[in-house]
C-alpha atoms as a PDB file:
ATOM      1  CA  MET A   1       2.297  28.128  -3.519  1.00  0.00           C
ATOM      2  CA  TRP A   2       2.822  24.890  -1.628  1.00  0.00           C
ATOM      3  CA  TYR A   3       5.120  22.018  -2.539  1.00  0.00           C
ATOM      4  CA  VAL A   4       5.030  18.322  -1.757  1.00  0.00           C
ATOM      5  CA  TYR A   5       8.516  16.875  -1.410  1.00  0.00           C
ATOM      6  CA  ILE A   6      10.146  13.494  -0.933  1.00  0.00           C
ATOM      7  CA  VAL A   7      13.530  13.141   0.745  1.00  0.00           C
ATOM      8  CA  GLU A   8      15.717  10.114   1.198  1.00  0.00           C
ATOM      9  CA  CYS A   9      17.052   9.714   4.719  1.00  0.00           C
ATOM     10  CA  SER A  10      20.527   8.411   5.561  1.00  0.00           C
ATOM     11  CA  ASP A  11      19.077   4.964   6.327  1.00  0.00           C
ATOM     12  CA  GLY A  12      17.524   4.779   2.837  1.00  0.00           C
ATOM     13  CA  THR A  13      13.956   5.411   3.951  1.00  0.00           C
ATOM     14  CA  LEU A  14      11.774   7.971   2.196  1.00  0.00           C
ATOM     15  CA  TYR A  15      10.003  10.833   3.961  1.00  0.00           C
ATOM     16  CA  THR A  16       7.254  12.963   2.405  1.00  0.00           C
ATOM     17  CA  GLY A  17       6.256  16.436   3.554  1.00  0.00           C
ATOM     18  CA  ILE A  18       4.825  19.775   2.457  1.00  0.00           C
ATOM     19  CA  THR A  19       6.311  23.269   2.528  1.00  0.00           C
ATOM     20  CA  THR A  20       6.274  26.664   0.871  1.00  0.00           C
ATOM     21  CA  ASP A  21      10.093  26.701   0.509  1.00  0.00           C
ATOM     22  CA  VAL A  22      11.696  23.369  -0.365  1.00  0.00           C
ATOM     23  CA  ASN A  23      15.341  24.439   0.020  1.00  0.00           C
ATOM     24  CA  LYS A  24      14.734  26.036   3.407  1.00  0.00           C
ATOM     25  CA  ARG A  25      12.813  22.963   4.563  1.00  0.00           C
ATOM     26  CA  ILE A  26      15.649  20.607   3.557  1.00  0.00           C
ATOM     27  CA  GLU A  27      18.095  22.828   5.475  1.00  0.00           C
ATOM     28  CA  THR A  28      15.790  22.688   8.501  1.00  0.00           C
ATOM     29  CA  HIS A  29      15.639  18.895   8.312  1.00  0.00           C
ATOM     30  CA  ASN A  30      19.428  18.669   8.078  1.00  0.00           C
ATOM     31  CA  LYS A  31      19.871  20.922  11.116  1.00  0.00           C
ATOM     32  CA  GLY A  32      17.870  18.352  13.118  1.00  0.00           C
ATOM     33  CA  LYS A  33      14.926  20.719  13.495  1.00  0.00           C
ATOM     34  CA  GLY A  34      12.644  19.118  10.917  1.00  0.00           C
ATOM     35  CA  ALA A  35      10.203  16.302  11.400  1.00  0.00           C
ATOM     36  CA  LYS A  36      10.647  13.919  14.321  1.00  0.00           C
ATOM     37  CA  TYR A  37      11.030  11.048  11.837  1.00  0.00           C
ATOM     38  CA  SER A  38      14.004  12.568  10.047  1.00  0.00           C
ATOM     39  CA  LYS A  39      15.873  13.867  13.124  1.00  0.00           C
ATOM     40  CA  THR A  40      17.550  10.511  13.733  1.00  0.00           C
ATOM     41  CA  ARG A  41      18.093   9.773  10.027  1.00  0.00           C
ATOM     42  CA  LEU A  42      20.285  12.679   8.938  1.00  0.00           C
ATOM     43  CA  PRO A  43      21.302  13.858   6.491  1.00  0.00           C
ATOM     44  CA  VAL A  44      18.336  13.900   4.148  1.00  0.00           C
ATOM     45  CA  VAL A  45      18.612  14.393   0.383  1.00  0.00           C
ATOM     46  CA  LEU A  46      15.844  15.818  -1.771  1.00  0.00           C
ATOM     47  CA  ARG A  47      14.652  13.225  -4.290  1.00  0.00           C
ATOM     48  CA  ALA A  48      11.542  14.935  -5.709  1.00  0.00           C
ATOM     49  CA  SER A  49       9.331  17.967  -5.307  1.00  0.00           C
ATOM     50  CA  PHE A  50       5.996  18.783  -6.865  1.00  0.00           C
ATOM     51  CA  ASP A  51       4.610  22.323  -6.995  1.00  0.00           C
ATOM     52  CA  GLY A  52       1.420  24.159  -7.774  1.00  0.00           C
ATOM     53  CA  PHE A  53      -0.655  23.221  -4.740  1.00  0.00           C
ATOM     54  CA  ASP A  54      -2.652  25.221  -2.259  1.00  0.00           C
ATOM     55  CA  LYS A  55      -2.124  24.108   1.354  1.00  0.00           C
ATOM     56  CA  SER A  56      -5.167  21.849   1.500  1.00  0.00           C
ATOM     57  CA  THR A  57      -4.389  20.093  -1.767  1.00  0.00           C
ATOM     58  CA  ALA A  58      -0.730  19.707  -0.797  1.00  0.00           C
ATOM     59  CA  ALA A  59      -1.736  18.038   2.471  1.00  0.00           C
ATOM     60  CA  LYS A  60      -4.028  15.645   0.616  1.00  0.00           C
ATOM     61  CA  GLU A  61      -1.292  14.791  -1.884  1.00  0.00           C
ATOM     62  CA  GLU A  62       1.199  14.252   0.967  1.00  0.00           C
ATOM     63  CA  TYR A  63      -1.250  11.836   2.594  1.00  0.00           C
ATOM     64  CA  ARG A  64      -1.778  10.003  -0.695  1.00  0.00           C
ATOM     65  CA  ILE A  65       1.968   9.623  -1.267  1.00  0.00           C
ATOM     66  CA  LYS A  66       2.595   8.458   2.297  1.00  0.00           C
ATOM     67  CA  LYS A  67       0.211   5.558   1.692  1.00  0.00           C
ATOM     68  CA  LEU A  68       2.143   4.369  -1.388  1.00  0.00           C
ATOM     69  CA  THR A  69       4.552   1.456  -1.213  1.00  0.00           C
ATOM     70  CA  ARG A  70       8.280   2.160  -1.412  1.00  0.00           C
ATOM     71  CA  LYS A  71       8.330   0.865  -4.982  1.00  0.00           C
ATOM     72  CA  GLU A  72       5.455   3.178  -5.943  1.00  0.00           C
ATOM     73  CA  LYS A  73       7.248   6.145  -4.333  1.00  0.00           C
ATOM     74  CA  ILE A  74      10.435   5.357  -6.257  1.00  0.00           C
ATOM     75  CA  ASN A  75       8.411   5.178  -9.471  1.00  0.00           C
ATOM     76  CA  LEU A  76       6.915   8.577  -8.639  1.00  0.00           C
ATOM     77  CA  ILE A  77      10.386   9.989  -7.981  1.00  0.00           C
ATOM     78  CA  ASN A  78      11.563   8.628 -11.323  1.00  0.00           C
ATOM     79  CA  GLY A  79       8.596  10.192 -13.102  1.00  0.00           C
ATOM     80  CA  ASN A  80       6.750   6.955 -13.833  1.00  0.00           C
END
């Protein structure tokens, strides 16, 4: 099972990614070994995760979320 997750970086920006293990991925980000984007914005805090995807569908959902505005992402995080 694949997850789509949204983290908040230390500068307040939101980063979206996919993984099979959310907790391990957050740890990896916070060790500075995650995505290039988050390496300079540590620490990151998990704000939302969505499960039940296969890899292809997770990647498509990640892409869809990345195109949303900040306000739309916050609404998604808040379950709206």
